Amino acid sequence: MTKRALITGITGQDGSYLAELLLDKGYEVHGIVRRASSFNTARIDHLYADPHESNAHLFLHYGDLTDSGRLTTLLTSIEPDEVYNLAAQSHVRVSFDEPEYTGDTTGLGSIRLLEAIRLSGLRCRFYQASSSEMFGSNPPPQNESTPFYPRSPYGVAKVYSYWATRNYREAYDIFAVNGILFNHESPRRGETFVTRKITRAVARINAGLQSHLYLGNIDAIRDWGYAPEYVEGMWRMLQVDQPDDYVLATGTEYSVRDFLASAFERVGLDWERYVRFDDRYLRPTEVDALIGDASKAEANLGWKPRVHARELSAIMVDADVEALAHAGRPWIDTPLFGDRAQLCHR
């Protein structure tokens, strides 16, 4: 029988790659999208087919993690075999500006979904998108046994969701897992996240359309992997016999400064000529170093990353250069891709 999956956050980077993966595996995929006055499905438009057609395997439903009644209704009507909770207010710096909203969606949203599963009586498998930001100040390498010490409202909300997932697994025998994913990026990453902000600026500077790139702390060390590989890890977590929690990471360290150098080098430019410091992008409390140990995932799931930060920066720069070449001037001058994108980062 065809497996059926429900994805929250399907319009995001991870959601779009996960939808592709599941469709390729023959799943019927359902996604929850928030109602908006403009289209917000660009990352999955290439997957969508008219639901009246016989070849339609992707179906979208309006809903929100703040609406528990709607979540229960959707679960009851869709009856998914697997539920992937990827939706969140996912920008760490923004979480300091909107802590209550972050807690409501990133934290309480998860328990609303878990409670909806419990109340509906579904015997589905549940994936919770946890985050390396939960480790915060604890020194690397971080693995499944590392204590949490979050340093942002986002990290705090993710810790709440992590423990809610474990509690529902133990209290109600729900097949519920936490995927503790370290930073993972791609050309589909949002323009206000530091890696995409860098690669997009590289493309624009190289084309003579931008003079400088403004950033905050460029000495932060992160473990950057490739998003399509990480969503395969999510899927693998729900295919094993026993539910458990897993770290996904490359195990390599790369600073923002290193990423800058690699990205600018890709087009033959010296990053130090173009990058400027702006303290508006500093976090009130910083996380200095996140480097993951994914040996448990390799041993139990057979998951191992292939793309590391230097290769990742090349993939992203090439994609942004190509997109700019085909975009035309009107796209470049759109405010979303201009100054407003600069104001929402590090």
C-alpha atoms as a PDB file:
ATOM      1  CA  MET A   1       0.000   0.000   0.000  1.00  0.00           C
ATOM      2  CA  THR A   2       1.102   3.576  -0.669  1.00  0.00           C
ATOM      3  CA  LYS A   3       2.524   5.257   2.402  1.00  0.00           C
ATOM      4  CA  ARG A   4       1.100   8.626   3.341  1.00  0.00           C
ATOM      5  CA  ALA A   5       3.147  11.410   4.960  1.00  0.00           C
ATOM      6  CA  LEU A   6       2.206  14.770   6.463  1.00  0.00           C
ATOM      7  CA  ILE A   7       4.818  17.538   6.529  1.00  0.00           C
ATOM      8  CA  THR A   8       4.520  20.773   8.476  1.00  0.00           C
ATOM      9  CA  GLY A   9       6.834  23.449   7.111  1.00  0.00           C
ATOM     10  CA  ILE A  10       6.663  21.891   3.650  1.00  0.00           C
ATOM     11  CA  THR A  11       7.303  25.263   1.957  1.00  0.00           C
ATOM     12  CA  GLY A  12      10.676  25.669   3.687  1.00  0.00           C
ATOM     13  CA  GLN A  13      14.091  24.435   2.614  1.00  0.00           C
ATOM     14  CA  ASP A  14      13.896  21.084   4.427  1.00  0.00           C
ATOM     15  CA  GLY A  15      10.227  20.584   3.687  1.00  0.00           C
ATOM     16  CA  SER A  16      10.721  20.944  -0.052  1.00  0.00           C
ATOM     17  CA  TYR A  17      13.630  18.502  -0.168  1.00  0.00           C
ATOM     18  CA  LEU A  18      11.786  16.029   2.058  1.00  0.00           C
ATOM     19  CA  ALA A  19       8.693  16.229  -0.162  1.00  0.00           C
ATOM     20  CA  GLU A  20      10.882  15.456  -3.194  1.00  0.00           C
ATOM     21  CA  LEU A  21      12.457  12.489  -1.438  1.00  0.00           C
ATOM     22  CA  LEU A  22       9.155  11.005  -0.299  1.00  0.00           C
ATOM     23  CA  LEU A  23       7.505  11.463  -3.688  1.00  0.00           C
ATOM     24  CA  ASP A  24      10.453   9.716  -5.307  1.00  0.00           C
ATOM     25  CA  LYS A  25       9.892   6.829  -2.886  1.00  0.00           C
ATOM     26  CA  GLY A  26       6.250   6.546  -3.937  1.00  0.00           C
ATOM     27  CA  TYR A  27       4.619   8.284  -0.970  1.00  0.00           C
ATOM     28  CA  GLU A  28       1.447  10.304  -1.054  1.00  0.00           C
ATOM     29  CA  VAL A  29       2.573  13.586   0.496  1.00  0.00           C
ATOM     30  CA  HIS A  30       0.409  16.104   2.341  1.00  0.00           C
ATOM     31  CA  GLY A  31       1.717  19.478   3.469  1.00  0.00           C
ATOM     32  CA  ILE A  32       0.420  22.157   5.802  1.00  0.00           C
ATOM     33  CA  VAL A  33       0.768  25.748   4.585  1.00  0.00           C
ATOM     34  CA  ARG A  34      -0.186  28.987   6.259  1.00  0.00           C
ATOM     35  CA  ARG A  35      -2.808  31.116   4.567  1.00  0.00           C
ATOM     36  CA  ALA A  36      -1.332  34.240   2.980  1.00  0.00           C
ATOM     37  CA  SER A  37      -2.561  36.840   0.507  1.00  0.00           C
ATOM     38  CA  SER A  38       0.308  35.978  -1.841  1.00  0.00           C
ATOM     39  CA  PHE A  39       1.740  32.675  -3.030  1.00  0.00           C
ATOM     40  CA  ASN A  40       4.358  31.251  -0.666  1.00  0.00           C
ATOM     41  CA  THR A  41       4.999  27.864  -2.265  1.00  0.00           C
ATOM     42  CA  ALA A  42       7.889  28.662  -4.617  1.00  0.00           C
ATOM     43  CA  ARG A  43      10.123  25.865  -3.295  1.00  0.00           C
ATOM     44  CA  ILE A  44       7.544  23.165  -4.054  1.00  0.00           C
ATOM     45  CA  ASP A  45       5.775  24.540  -7.137  1.00  0.00           C
ATOM     46  CA  HIS A  46       7.742  22.165  -9.363  1.00  0.00           C
ATOM     47  CA  LEU A  47       6.273  19.212  -7.427  1.00  0.00           C
ATOM     48  CA  TYR A  48       2.666  20.277  -7.532  1.00  0.00           C
ATOM     49  CA  ALA A  49       0.044  18.791  -9.847  1.00  0.00           C
ATOM     50  CA  ASP A  50      -3.659  19.605 -10.042  1.00  0.00           C
ATOM     51  CA  PRO A  51      -5.311  17.419  -7.372  1.00  0.00           C
ATOM     52  CA  HIS A  52      -8.012  16.526  -9.919  1.00  0.00           C
ATOM     53  CA  GLU A  53      -5.403  14.751 -12.036  1.00  0.00           C
ATOM     54  CA  SER A  54      -4.703  11.043 -11.554  1.00  0.00           C
ATOM     55  CA  ASN A  55      -0.965  11.653 -11.222  1.00  0.00           C
ATOM     56  CA  ALA A  56      -1.336  14.017  -8.252  1.00  0.00           C
ATOM     57  CA  HIS A  57       0.563  12.777  -5.188  1.00  0.00           C
ATOM     58  CA  LEU A  58       1.157  16.078  -3.390  1.00  0.00           C
ATOM     59  CA  PHE A  59      -1.707  17.766  -1.549  1.00  0.00           C
ATOM     60  CA  LEU A  60      -1.605  21.035   0.387  1.00  0.00           C
ATOM     61  CA  HIS A  61      -3.848  22.039   3.287  1.00  0.00           C
ATOM     62  CA  TYR A  62      -4.216  25.314   5.119  1.00  0.00           C
ATOM     63  CA  GLY A  63      -3.280  25.109   8.763  1.00  0.00           C
ATOM     64  CA  ASP A  64      -1.054  26.475  11.489  1.00  0.00           C
ATOM     65  CA  LEU A  65       0.793  25.086  14.504  1.00  0.00           C
ATOM     66  CA  THR A  66      -1.017  27.607  16.691  1.00  0.00           C
ATOM     67  CA  ASP A  67      -4.395  26.003  15.870  1.00  0.00           C
ATOM     68  CA  SER A  68      -4.753  22.692  17.707  1.00  0.00           C
ATOM     69  CA  GLY A  69      -8.288  22.047  16.472  1.00  0.00           C
ATOM     70  CA  ARG A  70      -7.221  22.324  12.848  1.00  0.00           C
ATOM     71  CA  LEU A  71      -4.267  20.003  13.454  1.00  0.00           C
ATOM     72  CA  THR A  72      -6.562  17.347  14.919  1.00  0.00           C
ATOM     73  CA  THR A  73      -8.973  17.689  11.996  1.00  0.00           C
ATOM     74  CA  LEU A  74      -6.181  17.319   9.438  1.00  0.00           C
ATOM     75  CA  LEU A  75      -4.660  14.287  11.117  1.00  0.00           C
ATOM     76  CA  THR A  76      -8.048  12.578  11.364  1.00  0.00           C
ATOM     77  CA  SER A  77      -8.900  13.203   7.713  1.00  0.00           C
ATOM     78  CA  ILE A  78      -5.454  12.482   6.203  1.00  0.00           C
ATOM     79  CA  GLU A  79      -4.537   9.513   8.437  1.00  0.00           C
ATOM     80  CA  PRO A  80      -0.802   9.738   7.718  1.00  0.00           C
ATOM     81  CA  ASP A  81       1.649   6.906   8.347  1.00  0.00           C
ATOM     82  CA  GLU A  82       4.419   9.413   9.049  1.00  0.00           C
ATOM     83  CA  VAL A  83       4.342  12.978  10.378  1.00  0.00           C
ATOM     84  CA  TYR A  84       7.336  15.296   9.984  1.00  0.00           C
ATOM     85  CA  ASN A  85       7.198  18.445  12.105  1.00  0.00           C
ATOM     86  CA  LEU A  86       9.536  20.902  10.364  1.00  0.00           C
ATOM     87  CA  ALA A  87       7.535  24.097  10.904  1.00  0.00           C
ATOM     88  CA  ALA A  88       8.930  26.750  13.236  1.00  0.00           C
ATOM     89  CA  GLN A  89      10.016  30.333  13.593  1.00  0.00           C
ATOM     90  CA  SER A  90      13.491  29.174  12.673  1.00  0.00           C
ATOM     91  CA  HIS A  91      15.667  32.295  12.628  1.00  0.00           C
ATOM     92  CA  VAL A  92      17.815  32.413  15.775  1.00  0.00           C
ATOM     93  CA  ARG A  93      18.508  36.169  15.702  1.00  0.00           C
ATOM     94  CA  VAL A  94      14.834  36.980  15.087  1.00  0.00           C
ATOM     95  CA  SER A  95      13.860  34.846  18.095  1.00  0.00           C
ATOM     96  CA  PHE A  96      15.404  37.508  20.362  1.00  0.00           C
ATOM     97  CA  ASP A  97      13.058  40.084  18.818  1.00  0.00           C
ATOM     98  CA  GLU A  98       9.998  37.802  18.828  1.00  0.00           C
ATOM     99  CA  PRO A  99      10.488  35.442  21.783  1.00  0.00           C
ATOM    100  CA  GLU A 100       6.792  34.904  22.529  1.00  0.00           C
ATOM    101  CA  TYR A 101       5.898  34.047  18.935  1.00  0.00           C
ATOM    102  CA  THR A 102       8.935  31.763  18.724  1.00  0.00           C
ATOM    103  CA  GLY A 103       7.836  29.946  21.879  1.00  0.00           C
ATOM    104  CA  ASP A 104       4.274  29.611  20.605  1.00  0.00           C
ATOM    105  CA  THR A 105       5.204  28.107  17.236  1.00  0.00           C
ATOM    106  CA  THR A 106       8.579  26.435  17.742  1.00  0.00           C
ATOM    107  CA  GLY A 107       7.791  25.169  21.243  1.00  0.00           C
ATOM    108  CA  LEU A 108       4.069  24.849  21.894  1.00  0.00           C
ATOM    109  CA  GLY A 109       3.369  24.052  18.254  1.00  0.00           C
ATOM    110  CA  SER A 110       5.131  20.710  18.663  1.00  0.00           C
ATOM    111  CA  ILE A 111       3.100  19.646  21.671  1.00  0.00           C
ATOM    112  CA  ARG A 112      -0.117  20.681  19.937  1.00  0.00           C
ATOM    113  CA  LEU A 113       0.765  18.333  17.108  1.00  0.00           C
ATOM    114  CA  LEU A 114       1.745  15.508  19.468  1.00  0.00           C
ATOM    115  CA  GLU A 115      -1.477  15.935  21.422  1.00  0.00           C
ATOM    116  CA  ALA A 116      -3.460  15.903  18.180  1.00  0.00           C
ATOM    117  CA  ILE A 117      -1.829  12.574  17.309  1.00  0.00           C
ATOM    118  CA  ARG A 118      -2.670  11.199  20.735  1.00  0.00           C
ATOM    119  CA  LEU A 119      -6.279  12.376  20.663  1.00  0.00           C
ATOM    120  CA  SER A 120      -6.859  11.089  17.130  1.00  0.00           C
ATOM    121  CA  GLY A 121      -5.630   7.631  18.088  1.00  0.00           C
ATOM    122  CA  LEU A 122      -3.408   7.371  14.998  1.00  0.00           C
ATOM    123  CA  ARG A 123      -0.572   4.841  15.086  1.00  0.00           C
ATOM    124  CA  CYS A 124       1.695   7.020  12.992  1.00  0.00           C
ATOM    125  CA  ARG A 125       5.397   7.742  13.313  1.00  0.00           C
ATOM    126  CA  PHE A 126       6.425  11.250  14.330  1.00  0.00           C
ATOM    127  CA  TYR A 127       9.601  13.182  13.531  1.00  0.00           C
ATOM    128  CA  GLN A 128      10.482  16.319  15.497  1.00  0.00           C
ATOM    129  CA  ALA A 129      13.000  18.739  13.979  1.00  0.00           C
ATOM    130  CA  SER A 130      15.306  19.447  16.887  1.00  0.00           C
ATOM    131  CA  SER A 131      18.364  21.653  16.595  1.00  0.00           C
ATOM    132  CA  SER A 132      22.040  21.886  17.497  1.00  0.00           C
ATOM    133  CA  GLU A 133      21.163  25.305  18.989  1.00  0.00           C
ATOM    134  CA  MET A 134      19.871  23.349  22.001  1.00  0.00           C
ATOM    135  CA  PHE A 135      23.494  22.600  22.978  1.00  0.00           C
ATOM    136  CA  GLY A 136      24.351  26.282  23.099  1.00  0.00           C
ATOM    137  CA  SER A 137      27.377  26.897  25.306  1.00  0.00           C
ATOM    138  CA  ASN A 138      28.369  23.274  25.900  1.00  0.00           C
ATOM    139  CA  PRO A 139      31.682  22.667  24.140  1.00  0.00           C
ATOM    140  CA  PRO A 140      31.993  20.498  21.030  1.00  0.00           C
ATOM    141  CA  PRO A 141      31.847  17.833  19.855  1.00  0.00           C
ATOM    142  CA  GLN A 142      28.173  17.509  20.771  1.00  0.00           C
ATOM    143  CA  ASN A 143      26.231  14.249  20.544  1.00  0.00           C
ATOM    144  CA  GLU A 144      22.989  12.727  21.847  1.00  0.00           C
ATOM    145  CA  SER A 145      24.370  12.628  25.412  1.00  0.00           C
ATOM    146  CA  THR A 146      25.562  16.243  25.548  1.00  0.00           C
ATOM    147  CA  PRO A 147      23.539  18.352  28.055  1.00  0.00           C
ATOM    148  CA  PHE A 148      21.521  21.241  26.674  1.00  0.00           C
ATOM    149  CA  TYR A 149      22.434  24.867  27.381  1.00  0.00           C
ATOM    150  CA  PRO A 150      20.424  26.975  24.898  1.00  0.00           C
ATOM    151  CA  ARG A 151      21.475  30.577  24.325  1.00  0.00           C
ATOM    152  CA  SER A 152      18.451  31.971  22.477  1.00  0.00           C
ATOM    153  CA  PRO A 153      14.644  31.882  22.684  1.00  0.00           C
ATOM    154  CA  TYR A 154      14.794  29.645  19.611  1.00  0.00           C
ATOM    155  CA  GLY A 155      17.079  27.179  21.367  1.00  0.00           C
ATOM    156  CA  VAL A 156      14.901  27.254  24.480  1.00  0.00           C
ATOM    157  CA  ALA A 157      11.775  26.510  22.423  1.00  0.00           C
ATOM    158  CA  LYS A 158      13.523  23.626  20.665  1.00  0.00           C
ATOM    159  CA  VAL A 159      14.532  22.130  24.027  1.00  0.00           C
ATOM    160  CA  TYR A 160      10.865  22.231  25.078  1.00  0.00           C
ATOM    161  CA  SER A 161       9.858  20.414  21.890  1.00  0.00           C
ATOM    162  CA  TYR A 162      12.631  17.864  22.332  1.00  0.00           C
ATOM    163  CA  TRP A 163      11.464  16.880  25.801  1.00  0.00           C
ATOM    164  CA  ALA A 164       7.799  16.944  24.775  1.00  0.00           C
ATOM    165  CA  THR A 165       8.626  14.445  22.028  1.00  0.00           C
ATOM    166  CA  ARG A 166      10.474  12.148  24.417  1.00  0.00           C
ATOM    167  CA  ASN A 167       7.669  12.433  26.963  1.00  0.00           C
ATOM    168  CA  TYR A 168       4.967  11.449  24.474  1.00  0.00           C
ATOM    169  CA  ARG A 169       7.124   8.536  23.327  1.00  0.00           C
ATOM    170  CA  GLU A 170       7.493   7.244  26.861  1.00  0.00           C
ATOM    171  CA  ALA A 171       4.051   8.136  28.230  1.00  0.00           C
ATOM    172  CA  TYR A 172       1.832   7.172  25.287  1.00  0.00           C
ATOM    173  CA  ASP A 173       3.971   4.684  23.330  1.00  0.00           C
ATOM    174  CA  ILE A 174       4.042   6.954  20.274  1.00  0.00           C
ATOM    175  CA  PHE A 175       6.789   6.254  17.758  1.00  0.00           C
ATOM    176  CA  ALA A 176       8.338   9.703  18.171  1.00  0.00           C
ATOM    177  CA  VAL A 177      11.927  10.687  17.400  1.00  0.00           C
ATOM    178  CA  ASN A 178      14.074  13.804  17.635  1.00  0.00           C
ATOM    179  CA  GLY A 179      16.433  14.597  14.792  1.00  0.00           C
ATOM    180  CA  ILE A 180      19.065  16.897  16.288  1.00  0.00           C
ATOM    181  CA  LEU A 181      20.317  18.446  13.084  1.00  0.00           C
ATOM    182  CA  PHE A 182      23.349  20.668  12.907  1.00  0.00           C
ATOM    183  CA  ASN A 183      23.417  23.486  10.366  1.00  0.00           C
ATOM    184  CA  HIS A 184      22.425  22.302   6.905  1.00  0.00           C
ATOM    185  CA  GLU A 185      22.168  24.577   3.916  1.00  0.00           C
ATOM    186  CA  SER A 186      21.401  24.636   0.192  1.00  0.00           C
ATOM    187  CA  PRO A 187      20.491  27.014  -2.643  1.00  0.00           C
ATOM    188  CA  ARG A 188      16.948  26.916  -1.220  1.00  0.00           C
ATOM    189  CA  ARG A 189      18.038  28.409   2.099  1.00  0.00           C
ATOM    190  CA  GLY A 190      16.223  31.622   2.984  1.00  0.00           C
ATOM    191  CA  GLU A 191      18.002  34.834   1.994  1.00  0.00           C
ATOM    192  CA  THR A 192      18.305  36.087   5.582  1.00  0.00           C
ATOM    193  CA  PHE A 193      20.301  33.082   6.857  1.00  0.00           C
ATOM    194  CA  VAL A 194      24.032  33.731   6.965  1.00  0.00           C
ATOM    195  CA  THR A 195      25.214  31.190   4.371  1.00  0.00           C
ATOM    196  CA  ARG A 196      22.662  32.230   1.760  1.00  0.00           C
ATOM    197  CA  LYS A 197      23.139  35.888   2.599  1.00  0.00           C
ATOM    198  CA  ILE A 198      26.830  35.411   1.845  1.00  0.00           C
ATOM    199  CA  THR A 199      26.460  33.420  -1.384  1.00  0.00           C
ATOM    200  CA  ARG A 200      23.798  35.734  -2.718  1.00  0.00           C
ATOM    201  CA  ALA A 201      25.950  38.763  -1.955  1.00  0.00           C
ATOM    202  CA  VAL A 202      28.889  37.097  -3.709  1.00  0.00           C
ATOM    203  CA  ALA A 203      26.795  36.696  -6.857  1.00  0.00           C
ATOM    204  CA  ARG A 204      25.579  40.300  -6.725  1.00  0.00           C
ATOM    205  CA  ILE A 205      29.013  41.775  -5.981  1.00  0.00           C
ATOM    206  CA  ASN A 206      30.543  39.709  -8.764  1.00  0.00           C
ATOM    207  CA  ALA A 207      27.885  41.103 -11.134  1.00  0.00           C
ATOM    208  CA  GLY A 208      28.537  44.683 -10.007  1.00  0.00           C
ATOM    209  CA  LEU A 209      25.109  45.030  -8.380  1.00  0.00           C
ATOM    210  CA  GLN A 210      26.200  45.304  -4.737  1.00  0.00           C
ATOM    211  CA  SER A 211      29.224  46.949  -3.158  1.00  0.00           C
ATOM    212  CA  HIS A 212      29.365  45.576   0.394  1.00  0.00           C
ATOM    213  CA  LEU A 213      28.077  42.803   2.643  1.00  0.00           C
ATOM    214  CA  TYR A 214      27.268  43.616   6.274  1.00  0.00           C
ATOM    215  CA  LEU A 215      27.631  40.888   8.913  1.00  0.00           C
ATOM    216  CA  GLY A 216      27.986  40.517  12.661  1.00  0.00           C
ATOM    217  CA  ASN A 217      30.094  37.843  14.330  1.00  0.00           C
ATOM    218  CA  ILE A 218      32.149  36.071  11.659  1.00  0.00           C
ATOM    219  CA  ASP A 219      34.184  34.007  14.143  1.00  0.00           C
ATOM    220  CA  ALA A 220      31.309  31.714  15.129  1.00  0.00           C
ATOM    221  CA  ILE A 221      32.140  28.089  14.294  1.00  0.00           C
ATOM    222  CA  ARG A 222      29.497  25.827  12.808  1.00  0.00           C
ATOM    223  CA  ASP A 223      29.170  22.337  11.358  1.00  0.00           C
ATOM    224  CA  TRP A 224      27.604  22.914   7.931  1.00  0.00           C
ATOM    225  CA  GLY A 225      26.122  20.117   5.822  1.00  0.00           C
ATOM    226  CA  TYR A 226      23.942  19.754   2.718  1.00  0.00           C
ATOM    227  CA  ALA A 227      20.185  19.833   3.298  1.00  0.00           C
ATOM    228  CA  PRO A 228      19.153  17.107   0.775  1.00  0.00           C
ATOM    229  CA  GLU A 229      21.392  14.633   2.623  1.00  0.00           C
ATOM    230  CA  TYR A 230      19.907  15.598   5.981  1.00  0.00           C
ATOM    231  CA  VAL A 231      16.286  15.021   4.957  1.00  0.00           C
ATOM    232  CA  GLU A 232      17.248  11.484   3.977  1.00  0.00           C
ATOM    233  CA  GLY A 233      18.445  11.100   7.557  1.00  0.00           C
ATOM    234  CA  MET A 234      15.046  12.275   8.800  1.00  0.00           C
ATOM    235  CA  TRP A 235      13.344   9.605   6.715  1.00  0.00           C
ATOM    236  CA  ARG A 236      15.713   6.903   7.922  1.00  0.00           C
ATOM    237  CA  MET A 237      14.882   7.696  11.556  1.00  0.00           C
ATOM    238  CA  LEU A 238      11.274   6.666  10.936  1.00  0.00           C
ATOM    239  CA  GLN A 239      12.145   3.414   9.136  1.00  0.00           C
ATOM    240  CA  VAL A 240      13.880   1.593  12.006  1.00  0.00           C
ATOM    241  CA  ASP A 241      12.146  -0.757  14.463  1.00  0.00           C
ATOM    242  CA  GLN A 242      12.619   1.316  17.628  1.00  0.00           C
ATOM    243  CA  PRO A 243      12.242   5.093  18.027  1.00  0.00           C
ATOM    244  CA  ASP A 244      15.304   6.980  19.214  1.00  0.00           C
ATOM    245  CA  ASP A 245      16.974  10.380  18.972  1.00  0.00           C
ATOM    246  CA  TYR A 246      19.834  11.084  16.556  1.00  0.00           C
ATOM    247  CA  VAL A 247      22.371  13.792  15.798  1.00  0.00           C
ATOM    248  CA  LEU A 248      23.012  14.510  12.113  1.00  0.00           C
ATOM    249  CA  ALA A 249      26.232  16.418  11.406  1.00  0.00           C
ATOM    250  CA  THR A 250      29.414  16.347   9.329  1.00  0.00           C
ATOM    251  CA  GLY A 251      31.760  16.465  12.310  1.00  0.00           C
ATOM    252  CA  THR A 252      33.828  19.251  10.752  1.00  0.00           C
ATOM    253  CA  GLU A 253      34.288  22.830  11.938  1.00  0.00           C
ATOM    254  CA  TYR A 254      34.060  25.839   9.664  1.00  0.00           C
ATOM    255  CA  SER A 255      33.782  29.435  10.809  1.00  0.00           C
ATOM    256  CA  VAL A 256      31.680  32.108   9.143  1.00  0.00           C
ATOM    257  CA  ARG A 257      35.003  33.673   8.165  1.00  0.00           C
ATOM    258  CA  ASP A 258      36.016  30.405   6.454  1.00  0.00           C
ATOM    259  CA  PHE A 259      32.703  30.240   4.616  1.00  0.00           C
ATOM    260  CA  LEU A 260      33.158  33.826   3.467  1.00  0.00           C
ATOM    261  CA  ALA A 261      36.621  33.082   2.118  1.00  0.00           C
ATOM    262  CA  SER A 262      35.434  29.981   0.239  1.00  0.00           C
ATOM    263  CA  ALA A 263      32.417  31.727  -1.253  1.00  0.00           C
ATOM    264  CA  PHE A 264      34.283  34.798  -2.504  1.00  0.00           C
ATOM    265  CA  GLU A 265      37.167  32.654  -3.723  1.00  0.00           C
ATOM    266  CA  ARG A 266      34.691  30.759  -5.910  1.00  0.00           C
ATOM    267  CA  VAL A 267      34.344  33.861  -8.111  1.00  0.00           C
ATOM    268  CA  GLY A 268      37.943  35.031  -7.709  1.00  0.00           C
ATOM    269  CA  LEU A 269      37.315  37.819  -5.180  1.00  0.00           C
ATOM    270  CA  ASP A 270      38.922  38.726  -1.837  1.00  0.00           C
ATOM    271  CA  TRP A 271      36.180  38.827   0.804  1.00  0.00           C
ATOM    272  CA  GLU A 272      38.032  41.347   2.996  1.00  0.00           C
ATOM    273  CA  ARG A 273      37.508  44.040   0.357  1.00  0.00           C
ATOM    274  CA  TYR A 274      33.726  43.777   0.563  1.00  0.00           C
ATOM    275  CA  VAL A 275      32.634  42.652   4.052  1.00  0.00           C
ATOM    276  CA  ARG A 276      31.724  45.218   6.706  1.00  0.00           C
ATOM    277  CA  PHE A 277      30.841  44.773  10.384  1.00  0.00           C
ATOM    278  CA  ASP A 278      27.432  45.814  11.740  1.00  0.00           C
ATOM    279  CA  ASP A 279      26.683  45.219  15.418  1.00  0.00           C
ATOM    280  CA  ARG A 280      22.937  45.095  14.701  1.00  0.00           C
ATOM    281  CA  TYR A 281      23.495  41.522  13.573  1.00  0.00           C
ATOM    282  CA  LEU A 282      25.073  40.378  16.833  1.00  0.00           C
ATOM    283  CA  ARG A 283      23.059  38.098  19.100  1.00  0.00           C
ATOM    284  CA  PRO A 284      22.628  39.167  22.751  1.00  0.00           C
ATOM    285  CA  THR A 285      24.082  35.774  23.688  1.00  0.00           C
ATOM    286  CA  GLU A 286      26.274  34.000  21.162  1.00  0.00           C
ATOM    287  CA  VAL A 287      26.941  30.321  20.554  1.00  0.00           C
ATOM    288  CA  ASP A 288      30.643  30.070  19.806  1.00  0.00           C
ATOM    289  CA  ALA A 289      31.052  26.552  18.419  1.00  0.00           C
ATOM    290  CA  LEU A 290      28.731  23.755  17.290  1.00  0.00           C
ATOM    291  CA  ILE A 291      30.360  20.603  15.897  1.00  0.00           C
ATOM    292  CA  GLY A 292      28.355  17.409  15.846  1.00  0.00           C
ATOM    293  CA  ASP A 293      29.194  13.756  16.380  1.00  0.00           C
ATOM    294  CA  ALA A 294      26.869  11.687  14.173  1.00  0.00           C
ATOM    295  CA  SER A 295      28.481   8.297  14.848  1.00  0.00           C
ATOM    296  CA  LYS A 296      25.224   6.905  16.289  1.00  0.00           C
ATOM    297  CA  ALA A 297      23.324   7.773  13.100  1.00  0.00           C
ATOM    298  CA  GLU A 298      26.037   6.145  10.989  1.00  0.00           C
ATOM    299  CA  ALA A 299      25.968   2.973  13.106  1.00  0.00           C
ATOM    300  CA  ASN A 300      22.182   2.605  13.470  1.00  0.00           C
ATOM    301  CA  LEU A 301      20.825   4.276  10.336  1.00  0.00           C
ATOM    302  CA  GLY A 302      23.665   3.886   7.849  1.00  0.00           C
ATOM    303  CA  TRP A 303      23.634   7.657   7.389  1.00  0.00           C
ATOM    304  CA  LYS A 304      26.837   9.487   6.509  1.00  0.00           C
ATOM    305  CA  PRO A 305      27.265  12.968   4.968  1.00  0.00           C
ATOM    306  CA  ARG A 306      29.191  13.402   1.740  1.00  0.00           C
ATOM    307  CA  VAL A 307      29.103  17.171   1.181  1.00  0.00           C
ATOM    308  CA  HIS A 308      31.074  19.398   3.559  1.00  0.00           C
ATOM    309  CA  ALA A 309      31.242  23.156   3.998  1.00  0.00           C
ATOM    310  CA  ARG A 310      33.705  24.024   1.235  1.00  0.00           C
ATOM    311  CA  GLU A 311      31.812  21.984  -1.358  1.00  0.00           C
ATOM    312  CA  LEU A 312      28.552  23.376  -0.007  1.00  0.00           C
ATOM    313  CA  SER A 313      29.671  26.987  -0.473  1.00  0.00           C
ATOM    314  CA  ALA A 314      30.563  26.224  -4.102  1.00  0.00           C
ATOM    315  CA  ILE A 315      27.152  24.647  -4.744  1.00  0.00           C
ATOM    316  CA  MET A 316      25.380  27.668  -3.288  1.00  0.00           C
ATOM    317  CA  VAL A 317      27.509  30.313  -5.005  1.00  0.00           C
ATOM    318  CA  ASP A 318      27.113  28.606  -8.375  1.00  0.00           C
ATOM    319  CA  ALA A 319      23.342  28.439  -7.896  1.00  0.00           C
ATOM    320  CA  ASP A 320      23.089  32.123  -6.975  1.00  0.00           C
ATOM    321  CA  VAL A 321      25.299  33.180  -9.885  1.00  0.00           C
ATOM    322  CA  GLU A 322      23.125  31.123 -12.227  1.00  0.00           C
ATOM    323  CA  ALA A 323      19.886  32.489 -10.744  1.00  0.00           C
ATOM    324  CA  LEU A 324      21.115  36.049 -11.112  1.00  0.00           C
ATOM    325  CA  ALA A 325      22.072  35.472 -14.727  1.00  0.00           C
ATOM    326  CA  HIS A 326      18.532  34.337 -15.547  1.00  0.00           C
ATOM    327  CA  ALA A 327      16.608  36.649 -13.242  1.00  0.00           C
ATOM    328  CA  GLY A 328      16.712  39.971 -15.045  1.00  0.00           C
ATOM    329  CA  ARG A 329      16.767  43.411 -13.516  1.00  0.00           C
ATOM    330  CA  PRO A 330      13.236  43.526 -12.025  1.00  0.00           C
ATOM    331  CA  TRP A 331      13.969  40.553  -9.735  1.00  0.00           C
ATOM    332  CA  ILE A 332      17.220  42.119  -8.527  1.00  0.00           C
ATOM    333  CA  ASP A 333      15.561  45.395  -7.568  1.00  0.00           C
ATOM    334  CA  THR A 334      12.736  43.791  -5.584  1.00  0.00           C
ATOM    335  CA  PRO A 335      12.969  45.063  -1.966  1.00  0.00           C
ATOM    336  CA  LEU A 336      12.801  41.513  -0.562  1.00  0.00           C
ATOM    337  CA  PHE A 337      16.193  40.841  -2.109  1.00  0.00           C
ATOM    338  CA  GLY A 338      17.628  44.239  -1.292  1.00  0.00           C
ATOM    339  CA  ASP A 339      18.018  46.204   1.915  1.00  0.00           C
ATOM    340  CA  ARG A 340      15.261  44.495   3.900  1.00  0.00           C
ATOM    341  CA  ALA A 341      17.009  41.136   3.578  1.00  0.00           C
ATOM    342  CA  GLN A 342      20.140  42.768   5.001  1.00  0.00           C
ATOM    343  CA  LEU A 343      18.349  43.883   8.175  1.00  0.00           C
ATOM    344  CA  CYS A 344      17.402  40.411   9.346  1.00  0.00           C
ATOM    345  CA  HIS A 345      20.690  38.691   9.948  1.00  0.00           C
ATOM    346  CA  ARG A 346      23.504  38.146  12.410  1.00  0.00           C
END
